[in-house]
Amino acid sequence: MFEPLDFLAAVTQHIPDKGDHQINFFGWYSNKTRGMQRKKISKAQQATGMDEPDTPFRRKQRIATALSSALRGRPSSRRFTKLTL
């Protein structure tokens, strides 16, 4: 169990000094590593003949298309014909 002052010292130790640069992501989550992994995946997909990588935007597009085609022709579905997620 921490004493109150020890607890405050431990918590405030993680606060960076004013003007210090903070690194949010490093290692596997860094922008460089994620970009390199994305390139590897796209090269492998091109080699195997697969389409573009499955991104959240592509998934939302497929869901919207499936919903609009499933709801097409129903009177109550007219408001969902221009469905965007």
PDB file of N, CA and C in Angstrom:
ATOM      1  N   MET A   1       0.838  -1.169   0.000  1.00  0.00           N
ATOM      2  CA  MET A   1       0.000   0.000   0.000  1.00  0.00           C
ATOM      3  C   MET A   1       0.891   1.242   0.000  1.00  0.00           C
ATOM      4  N   PHE A   2       0.519   2.193  -0.829  1.00  0.00           N
ATOM      5  CA  PHE A   2       1.275   3.436  -0.915  1.00  0.00           C
ATOM      6  C   PHE A   2       0.853   4.405   0.191  1.00  0.00           C
ATOM      7  N   GLU A   3       1.804   5.132   0.660  1.00  0.00           N
ATOM      8  CA  GLU A   3       1.492   6.303   1.490  1.00  0.00           C
ATOM      9  C   GLU A   3       1.012   7.388   0.517  1.00  0.00           C
ATOM     10  N   PRO A   4       0.228   8.357   0.964  1.00  0.00           N
ATOM     11  CA  PRO A   4      -0.310   9.354   0.035  1.00  0.00           C
ATOM     12  C   PRO A   4       0.760  10.096  -0.767  1.00  0.00           C
ATOM     13  N   LEU A   5       1.835  10.500  -0.127  1.00  0.00           N
ATOM     14  CA  LEU A   5       2.880  11.235  -0.856  1.00  0.00           C
ATOM     15  C   LEU A   5       3.632  10.331  -1.823  1.00  0.00           C
ATOM     16  N   ASP A   6       3.842   9.074  -1.434  1.00  0.00           N
ATOM     17  CA  ASP A   6       4.502   8.125  -2.338  1.00  0.00           C
ATOM     18  C   ASP A   6       3.632   7.859  -3.565  1.00  0.00           C
ATOM     19  N   PHE A   7       2.323   7.759  -3.352  1.00  0.00           N
ATOM     20  CA  PHE A   7       1.400   7.543  -4.460  1.00  0.00           C
ATOM     21  C   PHE A   7       1.448   8.716  -5.432  1.00  0.00           C
ATOM     22  N   LEU A   8       1.393   9.928  -4.914  1.00  0.00           N
ATOM     23  CA  LEU A   8       1.459  11.113  -5.777  1.00  0.00           C
ATOM     24  C   LEU A   8       2.789  11.179  -6.524  1.00  0.00           C
ATOM     25  N   ALA A   9       3.869  10.819  -5.867  1.00  0.00           N
ATOM     26  CA  ALA A   9       5.179  10.817  -6.527  1.00  0.00           C
ATOM     27  C   ALA A   9       5.210   9.798  -7.662  1.00  0.00           C
ATOM     28  N   ALA A  10       4.618   8.617  -7.437  1.00  0.00           N
ATOM     29  CA  ALA A  10       4.604   7.578  -8.468  1.00  0.00           C
ATOM     30  C   ALA A  10       3.730   7.989  -9.653  1.00  0.00           C
ATOM     31  N   VAL A  11       2.605   8.612  -9.376  1.00  0.00           N
ATOM     32  CA  VAL A  11       1.695   9.013 -10.453  1.00  0.00           C
ATOM     33  C   VAL A  11       2.284  10.159 -11.258  1.00  0.00           C
ATOM     34  N   THR A  12       2.831  11.155 -10.595  1.00  0.00           N
ATOM     35  CA  THR A  12       3.334  12.333 -11.310  1.00  0.00           C
ATOM     36  C   THR A  12       4.662  12.064 -12.019  1.00  0.00           C
ATOM     37  N   GLN A  13       5.287  10.965 -11.740  1.00  0.00           N
ATOM     38  CA  GLN A  13       6.542  10.629 -12.407  1.00  0.00           C
ATOM     39  C   GLN A  13       6.312  10.379 -13.900  1.00  0.00           C
ATOM     40  N   HIS A  14       5.086  10.028 -14.300  1.00  0.00           N
ATOM     41  CA  HIS A  14       4.781   9.738 -15.696  1.00  0.00           C
ATOM     42  C   HIS A  14       4.385  10.983 -16.483  1.00  0.00           C
ATOM     43  N   ILE A  15       4.247  12.108 -15.840  1.00  0.00           N
ATOM     44  CA  ILE A  15       3.896  13.348 -16.527  1.00  0.00           C
ATOM     45  C   ILE A  15       5.173  13.949 -17.114  1.00  0.00           C
ATOM     46  N   PRO A  16       5.201  14.159 -18.433  1.00  0.00           N
ATOM     47  CA  PRO A  16       6.422  14.699 -19.035  1.00  0.00           C
ATOM     48  C   PRO A  16       6.632  16.175 -18.654  1.00  0.00           C
ATOM     49  N   ASP A  17       7.897  16.599 -18.665  1.00  0.00           N
ATOM     50  CA  ASP A  17       8.205  17.997 -18.398  1.00  0.00           C
ATOM     51  C   ASP A  17       7.661  18.866 -19.521  1.00  0.00           C
ATOM     52  N   LYS A  18       7.430  20.121 -19.222  1.00  0.00           N
ATOM     53  CA  LYS A  18       6.890  21.038 -20.209  1.00  0.00           C
ATOM     54  C   LYS A  18       7.873  21.161 -21.381  1.00  0.00           C
ATOM     55  N   GLY A  19       7.354  20.974 -22.586  1.00  0.00           N
ATOM     56  CA  GLY A  19       8.171  21.090 -23.783  1.00  0.00           C
ATOM     57  C   GLY A  19       8.822  19.790 -24.219  1.00  0.00           C
ATOM     58  N   ASP A  20       8.735  18.734 -23.421  1.00  0.00           N
ATOM     59  CA  ASP A  20       9.316  17.454 -23.808  1.00  0.00           C
ATOM     60  C   ASP A  20       8.481  16.808 -24.905  1.00  0.00           C
ATOM     61  N   HIS A  21       9.153  16.120 -25.798  1.00  0.00           N
ATOM     62  CA  HIS A  21       8.472  15.420 -26.886  1.00  0.00           C
ATOM     63  C   HIS A  21       7.999  14.068 -26.371  1.00  0.00           C
ATOM     64  N   GLN A  22       6.753  13.753 -26.648  1.00  0.00           N
ATOM     65  CA  GLN A  22       6.196  12.483 -26.192  1.00  0.00           C
ATOM     66  C   GLN A  22       6.036  11.553 -27.384  1.00  0.00           C
ATOM     67  N   ILE A  23       6.509  10.329 -27.261  1.00  0.00           N
ATOM     68  CA  ILE A  23       6.378   9.329 -28.313  1.00  0.00           C
ATOM     69  C   ILE A  23       5.172   8.471 -27.968  1.00  0.00           C
ATOM     70  N   ASN A  24       4.149   8.549 -28.821  1.00  0.00           N
ATOM     71  CA  ASN A  24       2.930   7.800 -28.541  1.00  0.00           C
ATOM     72  C   ASN A  24       3.036   6.341 -28.935  1.00  0.00           C
ATOM     73  N   PHE A  25       3.613   6.063 -30.093  1.00  0.00           N
ATOM     74  CA  PHE A  25       3.704   4.701 -30.574  1.00  0.00           C
ATOM     75  C   PHE A  25       5.135   4.395 -30.977  1.00  0.00           C
ATOM     76  N   PHE A  26       5.610   3.231 -30.578  1.00  0.00           N
ATOM     77  CA  PHE A  26       6.931   2.801 -30.997  1.00  0.00           C
ATOM     78  C   PHE A  26       6.892   1.295 -31.191  1.00  0.00           C
ATOM     79  N   GLY A  27       7.902   0.772 -31.849  1.00  0.00           N
ATOM     80  CA  GLY A  27       7.936  -0.667 -32.080  1.00  0.00           C
ATOM     81  C   GLY A  27       6.893  -1.077 -33.110  1.00  0.00           C
ATOM     82  N   TRP A  28       6.123  -2.097 -32.815  1.00  0.00           N
ATOM     83  CA  TRP A  28       5.147  -2.661 -33.738  1.00  0.00           C
ATOM     84  C   TRP A  28       4.083  -1.638 -34.133  1.00  0.00           C
ATOM     85  N   TYR A  29       3.735  -0.716 -33.246  1.00  0.00           N
ATOM     86  CA  TYR A  29       2.659   0.233 -33.494  1.00  0.00           C
ATOM     87  C   TYR A  29       3.121   1.542 -34.128  1.00  0.00           C
ATOM     88  N   SER A  30       4.402   1.685 -34.404  1.00  0.00           N
ATOM     89  CA  SER A  30       4.880   2.933 -34.999  1.00  0.00           C
ATOM     90  C   SER A  30       4.383   3.043 -36.438  1.00  0.00           C
ATOM     91  N   ASN A  31       4.311   4.266 -36.929  1.00  0.00           N
ATOM     92  CA  ASN A  31       3.830   4.498 -38.289  1.00  0.00           C
ATOM     93  C   ASN A  31       4.711   3.786 -39.310  1.00  0.00           C
ATOM     94  N   LYS A  32       6.014   3.805 -39.087  1.00  0.00           N
ATOM     95  CA  LYS A  32       6.932   3.178 -40.033  1.00  0.00           C
ATOM     96  C   LYS A  32       6.688   1.675 -40.103  1.00  0.00           C
ATOM     97  N   THR A  33       6.579   1.028 -38.951  1.00  0.00           N
ATOM     98  CA  THR A  33       6.398  -0.414 -38.926  1.00  0.00           C
ATOM     99  C   THR A  33       5.054  -0.802 -39.534  1.00  0.00           C
ATOM    100  N   ARG A  34       4.011  -0.048 -39.199  1.00  0.00           N
ATOM    101  CA  ARG A  34       2.690  -0.362 -39.762  1.00  0.00           C
ATOM    102  C   ARG A  34       2.696  -0.191 -41.272  1.00  0.00           C
ATOM    103  N   GLY A  35       3.384   0.846 -41.766  1.00  0.00           N
ATOM    104  CA  GLY A  35       3.476   1.055 -43.210  1.00  0.00           C
ATOM    105  C   GLY A  35       4.242  -0.059 -43.900  1.00  0.00           C
ATOM    106  N   MET A  36       5.326  -0.507 -43.277  1.00  0.00           N
ATOM    107  CA  MET A  36       6.110  -1.598 -43.860  1.00  0.00           C
ATOM    108  C   MET A  36       5.292  -2.892 -43.878  1.00  0.00           C
ATOM    109  N   GLN A  37       4.549  -3.163 -42.803  1.00  0.00           N
ATOM    110  CA  GLN A  37       3.712  -4.354 -42.766  1.00  0.00           C
ATOM    111  C   GLN A  37       2.624  -4.284 -43.842  1.00  0.00           C
ATOM    112  N   ARG A  38       2.037  -3.111 -44.022  1.00  0.00           N
ATOM    113  CA  ARG A  38       0.996  -2.936 -45.038  1.00  0.00           C
ATOM    114  C   ARG A  38       1.563  -3.201 -46.431  1.00  0.00           C
ATOM    115  N   LYS A  39       2.803  -2.741 -46.689  1.00  0.00           N
ATOM    116  CA  LYS A  39       3.421  -2.990 -47.989  1.00  0.00           C
ATOM    117  C   LYS A  39       3.661  -4.481 -48.201  1.00  0.00           C
ATOM    118  N   LYS A  40       4.128  -5.170 -47.151  1.00  0.00           N
ATOM    119  CA  LYS A  40       4.355  -6.612 -47.260  1.00  0.00           C
ATOM    120  C   LYS A  40       3.061  -7.345 -47.589  1.00  0.00           C
ATOM    121  N   ILE A  41       2.002  -6.958 -46.910  1.00  0.00           N
ATOM    122  CA  ILE A  41       0.717  -7.617 -47.124  1.00  0.00           C
ATOM    123  C   ILE A  41       0.220  -7.357 -48.536  1.00  0.00           C
ATOM    124  N   SER A  42       0.334  -6.111 -49.006  1.00  0.00           N
ATOM    125  CA  SER A  42      -0.155  -5.800 -50.352  1.00  0.00           C
ATOM    126  C   SER A  42       0.676  -6.510 -51.415  1.00  0.00           C
ATOM    127  N   LYS A  43       2.000  -6.631 -51.210  1.00  0.00           N
ATOM    128  CA  LYS A  43       2.833  -7.362 -52.168  1.00  0.00           C
ATOM    129  C   LYS A  43       2.451  -8.834 -52.202  1.00  0.00           C
ATOM    130  N   ALA A  44       2.187  -9.418 -51.035  1.00  0.00           N
ATOM    131  CA  ALA A  44       1.783 -10.821 -50.975  1.00  0.00           C
ATOM    132  C   ALA A  44       0.424 -11.020 -51.639  1.00  0.00           C
ATOM    133  N   GLN A  45      -0.485 -10.076 -51.455  1.00  0.00           N
ATOM    134  CA  GLN A  45      -1.796 -10.186 -52.083  1.00  0.00           C
ATOM    135  C   GLN A  45      -1.695 -10.035 -53.591  1.00  0.00           C
ATOM    136  N   GLN A  46      -0.817  -9.161 -54.059  1.00  0.00           N
ATOM    137  CA  GLN A  46      -0.636  -9.013 -55.498  1.00  0.00           C
ATOM    138  C   GLN A  46      -0.026 -10.278 -56.088  1.00  0.00           C
ATOM    139  N   ALA A  47       0.894 -10.899 -55.367  1.00  0.00           N
ATOM    140  CA  ALA A  47       1.534 -12.117 -55.861  1.00  0.00           C
ATOM    141  C   ALA A  47       0.539 -13.268 -55.953  1.00  0.00           C
ATOM    142  N   THR A  48      -0.421 -13.298 -55.024  1.00  0.00           N
ATOM    143  CA  THR A  48      -1.403 -14.381 -55.035  1.00  0.00           C
ATOM    144  C   THR A  48      -2.635 -14.037 -55.850  1.00  0.00           C
ATOM    145  N   GLY A  49      -2.706 -12.801 -56.360  1.00  0.00           N
ATOM    146  CA  GLY A  49      -3.830 -12.402 -57.188  1.00  0.00           C
ATOM    147  C   GLY A  49      -5.044 -11.930 -56.408  1.00  0.00           C
ATOM    148  N   MET A  50      -4.878 -11.623 -55.139  1.00  0.00           N
ATOM    149  CA  MET A  50      -6.006 -11.144 -54.343  1.00  0.00           C
ATOM    150  C   MET A  50      -6.271  -9.676 -54.650  1.00  0.00           C
ATOM    151  N   ASP A  51      -7.465  -9.219 -54.298  1.00  0.00           N
ATOM    152  CA  ASP A  51      -7.837  -7.821 -54.494  1.00  0.00           C
ATOM    153  C   ASP A  51      -7.114  -6.950 -53.485  1.00  0.00           C
ATOM    154  N   GLU A  52      -7.562  -5.711 -53.416  1.00  0.00           N
ATOM    155  CA  GLU A  52      -6.980  -4.760 -52.474  1.00  0.00           C
ATOM    156  C   GLU A  52      -7.171  -5.243 -51.042  1.00  0.00           C
ATOM    157  N   PRO A  53      -6.325  -4.777 -50.121  1.00  0.00           N
ATOM    158  CA  PRO A  53      -6.466  -5.196 -48.735  1.00  0.00           C
ATOM    159  C   PRO A  53      -7.825  -4.801 -48.159  1.00  0.00           C
ATOM    160  N   ASP A  54      -8.299  -5.607 -47.231  1.00  0.00           N
ATOM    161  CA  ASP A  54      -9.589  -5.369 -46.602  1.00  0.00           C
ATOM    162  C   ASP A  54      -9.431  -4.297 -45.538  1.00  0.00           C
ATOM    163  N   THR A  55      -9.935  -3.109 -45.826  1.00  0.00           N
ATOM    164  CA  THR A  55      -9.842  -1.989 -44.901  1.00  0.00           C
ATOM    165  C   THR A  55     -11.210  -1.760 -44.272  1.00  0.00           C
ATOM    166  N   PRO A  56     -11.275  -1.032 -43.156  1.00  0.00           N
ATOM    167  CA  PRO A  56     -12.580  -0.748 -42.559  1.00  0.00           C
ATOM    168  C   PRO A  56     -13.531  -0.055 -43.538  1.00  0.00           C
ATOM    169  N   PHE A  57     -13.000   0.827 -44.388  1.00  0.00           N
ATOM    170  CA  PHE A  57     -13.837   1.504 -45.371  1.00  0.00           C
ATOM    171  C   PHE A  57     -14.432   0.508 -46.362  1.00  0.00           C
ATOM    172  N   ARG A  58     -13.621  -0.434 -46.838  1.00  0.00           N
ATOM    173  CA  ARG A  58     -14.103  -1.440 -47.792  1.00  0.00           C
ATOM    174  C   ARG A  58     -15.173  -2.317 -47.140  1.00  0.00           C
ATOM    175  N   ARG A  59     -14.956  -2.697 -45.867  1.00  0.00           N
ATOM    176  CA  ARG A  59     -15.946  -3.512 -45.163  1.00  0.00           C
ATOM    177  C   ARG A  59     -17.270  -2.763 -45.045  1.00  0.00           C
ATOM    178  N   LYS A  60     -17.204  -1.469 -44.704  1.00  0.00           N
ATOM    179  CA  LYS A  60     -18.425  -0.672 -44.581  1.00  0.00           C
ATOM    180  C   LYS A  60     -19.131  -0.553 -45.924  1.00  0.00           C
ATOM    181  N   GLN A  61     -18.349  -0.425 -47.000  1.00  0.00           N
ATOM    182  CA  GLN A  61     -18.947  -0.356 -48.332  1.00  0.00           C
ATOM    183  C   GLN A  61     -19.678  -1.648 -48.667  1.00  0.00           C
ATOM    184  N   ARG A  62     -19.053  -2.796 -48.359  1.00  0.00           N
ATOM    185  CA  ARG A  62     -19.689  -4.080 -48.638  1.00  0.00           C
ATOM    186  C   ARG A  62     -20.965  -4.252 -47.827  1.00  0.00           C
ATOM    187  N   ILE A  63     -20.942  -3.852 -46.564  1.00  0.00           N
ATOM    188  CA  ILE A  63     -22.129  -3.962 -45.716  1.00  0.00           C
ATOM    189  C   ILE A  63     -23.242  -3.069 -46.253  1.00  0.00           C
ATOM    190  N   ALA A  64     -22.908  -1.834 -46.628  1.00  0.00           N
ATOM    191  CA  ALA A  64     -23.912  -0.916 -47.167  1.00  0.00           C
ATOM    192  C   ALA A  64     -24.502  -1.459 -48.457  1.00  0.00           C
ATOM    193  N   THR A  65     -23.674  -2.032 -49.320  1.00  0.00           N
ATOM    194  CA  THR A  65     -24.162  -2.599 -50.567  1.00  0.00           C
ATOM    195  C   THR A  65     -25.075  -3.784 -50.300  1.00  0.00           C
ATOM    196  N   ALA A  66     -24.667  -4.645 -49.384  1.00  0.00           N
ATOM    197  CA  ALA A  66     -25.484  -5.815 -49.051  1.00  0.00           C
ATOM    198  C   ALA A  66     -26.823  -5.403 -48.443  1.00  0.00           C
ATOM    199  N   LEU A  67     -26.791  -4.411 -47.562  1.00  0.00           N
ATOM    200  CA  LEU A  67     -28.038  -3.954 -46.950  1.00  0.00           C
ATOM    201  C   LEU A  67     -28.954  -3.305 -47.976  1.00  0.00           C
ATOM    202  N   SER A  68     -28.399  -2.479 -48.842  1.00  0.00           N
ATOM    203  CA  SER A  68     -29.252  -1.808 -49.822  1.00  0.00           C
ATOM    204  C   SER A  68     -29.836  -2.802 -50.817  1.00  0.00           C
ATOM    205  N   SER A  69     -29.061  -3.837 -51.195  1.00  0.00           N
ATOM    206  CA  SER A  69     -29.613  -4.832 -52.113  1.00  0.00           C
ATOM    207  C   SER A  69     -30.623  -5.728 -51.412  1.00  0.00           C
ATOM    208  N   ALA A  70     -30.429  -5.992 -50.123  1.00  0.00           N
ATOM    209  CA  ALA A  70     -31.383  -6.816 -49.388  1.00  0.00           C
ATOM    210  C   ALA A  70     -32.685  -6.072 -49.133  1.00  0.00           C
ATOM    211  N   LEU A  71     -32.592  -4.758 -48.952  1.00  0.00           N
ATOM    212  CA  LEU A  71     -33.782  -3.964 -48.649  1.00  0.00           C
ATOM    213  C   LEU A  71     -34.459  -3.398 -49.891  1.00  0.00           C
ATOM    214  N   ARG A  72     -33.849  -3.587 -51.043  1.00  0.00           N
ATOM    215  CA  ARG A  72     -34.399  -3.030 -52.273  1.00  0.00           C
ATOM    216  C   ARG A  72     -35.748  -3.689 -52.585  1.00  0.00           C
ATOM    217  N   GLY A  73     -36.703  -2.867 -52.989  1.00  0.00           N
ATOM    218  CA  GLY A  73     -37.998  -3.403 -53.370  1.00  0.00           C
ATOM    219  C   GLY A  73     -39.012  -3.385 -52.243  1.00  0.00           C
ATOM    220  N   ARG A  74     -38.603  -3.196 -51.030  1.00  0.00           N
ATOM    221  CA  ARG A  74     -39.540  -3.125 -49.914  1.00  0.00           C
ATOM    222  C   ARG A  74     -39.982  -1.677 -49.742  1.00  0.00           C
ATOM    223  N   PRO A  75     -41.272  -1.435 -49.486  1.00  0.00           N
ATOM    224  CA  PRO A  75     -41.732  -0.051 -49.343  1.00  0.00           C
ATOM    225  C   PRO A  75     -41.064   0.691 -48.191  1.00  0.00           C
ATOM    226  N   SER A  76     -40.789   0.009 -47.103  1.00  0.00           N
ATOM    227  CA  SER A  76     -40.209   0.693 -45.953  1.00  0.00           C
ATOM    228  C   SER A  76     -38.713   0.916 -46.099  1.00  0.00           C
ATOM    229  N   SER A  77     -38.104   0.387 -47.150  1.00  0.00           N
ATOM    230  CA  SER A  77     -36.657   0.480 -47.291  1.00  0.00           C
ATOM    231  C   SER A  77     -36.217   1.678 -48.119  1.00  0.00           C
ATOM    232  N   ARG A  78     -37.143   2.503 -48.582  1.00  0.00           N
ATOM    233  CA  ARG A  78     -36.777   3.618 -49.440  1.00  0.00           C
ATOM    234  C   ARG A  78     -35.805   4.576 -48.765  1.00  0.00           C
ATOM    235  N   ARG A  79     -35.909   4.740 -47.474  1.00  0.00           N
ATOM    236  CA  ARG A  79     -34.994   5.644 -46.789  1.00  0.00           C
ATOM    237  C   ARG A  79     -33.591   5.059 -46.635  1.00  0.00           C
ATOM    238  N   PHE A  80     -33.415   3.738 -46.860  1.00  0.00           N
ATOM    239  CA  PHE A  80     -32.108   3.103 -46.716  1.00  0.00           C
ATOM    240  C   PHE A  80     -31.385   2.925 -48.045  1.00  0.00           C
ATOM    241  N   THR A  81     -31.968   3.403 -49.149  1.00  0.00           N
ATOM    242  CA  THR A  81     -31.335   3.179 -50.434  1.00  0.00           C
ATOM    243  C   THR A  81     -30.011   3.917 -50.564  1.00  0.00           C
ATOM    244  N   LYS A  82     -29.864   5.034 -49.875  1.00  0.00           N
ATOM    245  CA  LYS A  82     -28.602   5.774 -49.902  1.00  0.00           C
ATOM    246  C   LYS A  82     -27.879   5.604 -48.582  1.00  0.00           C
ATOM    247  N   LEU A  83     -27.761   4.374 -48.143  1.00  0.00           N
ATOM    248  CA  LEU A  83     -27.174   4.064 -46.849  1.00  0.00           C
ATOM    249  C   LEU A  83     -25.666   4.261 -46.889  1.00  0.00           C
ATOM    250  N   THR A  84     -25.156   5.037 -45.976  1.00  0.00           N
ATOM    251  CA  THR A  84     -23.718   5.206 -45.844  1.00  0.00           C
ATOM    252  C   THR A  84     -23.360   4.976 -44.407  1.00  0.00           C
ATOM    253  N   LEU A  85     -22.285   4.278 -44.199  1.00  0.00           N
ATOM    254  CA  LEU A  85     -21.828   4.004 -42.830  1.00  0.00           C
ATOM    255  C   LEU A  85     -20.603   4.794 -42.520  1.00  0.00           C
TER     256      LEU A  85
END
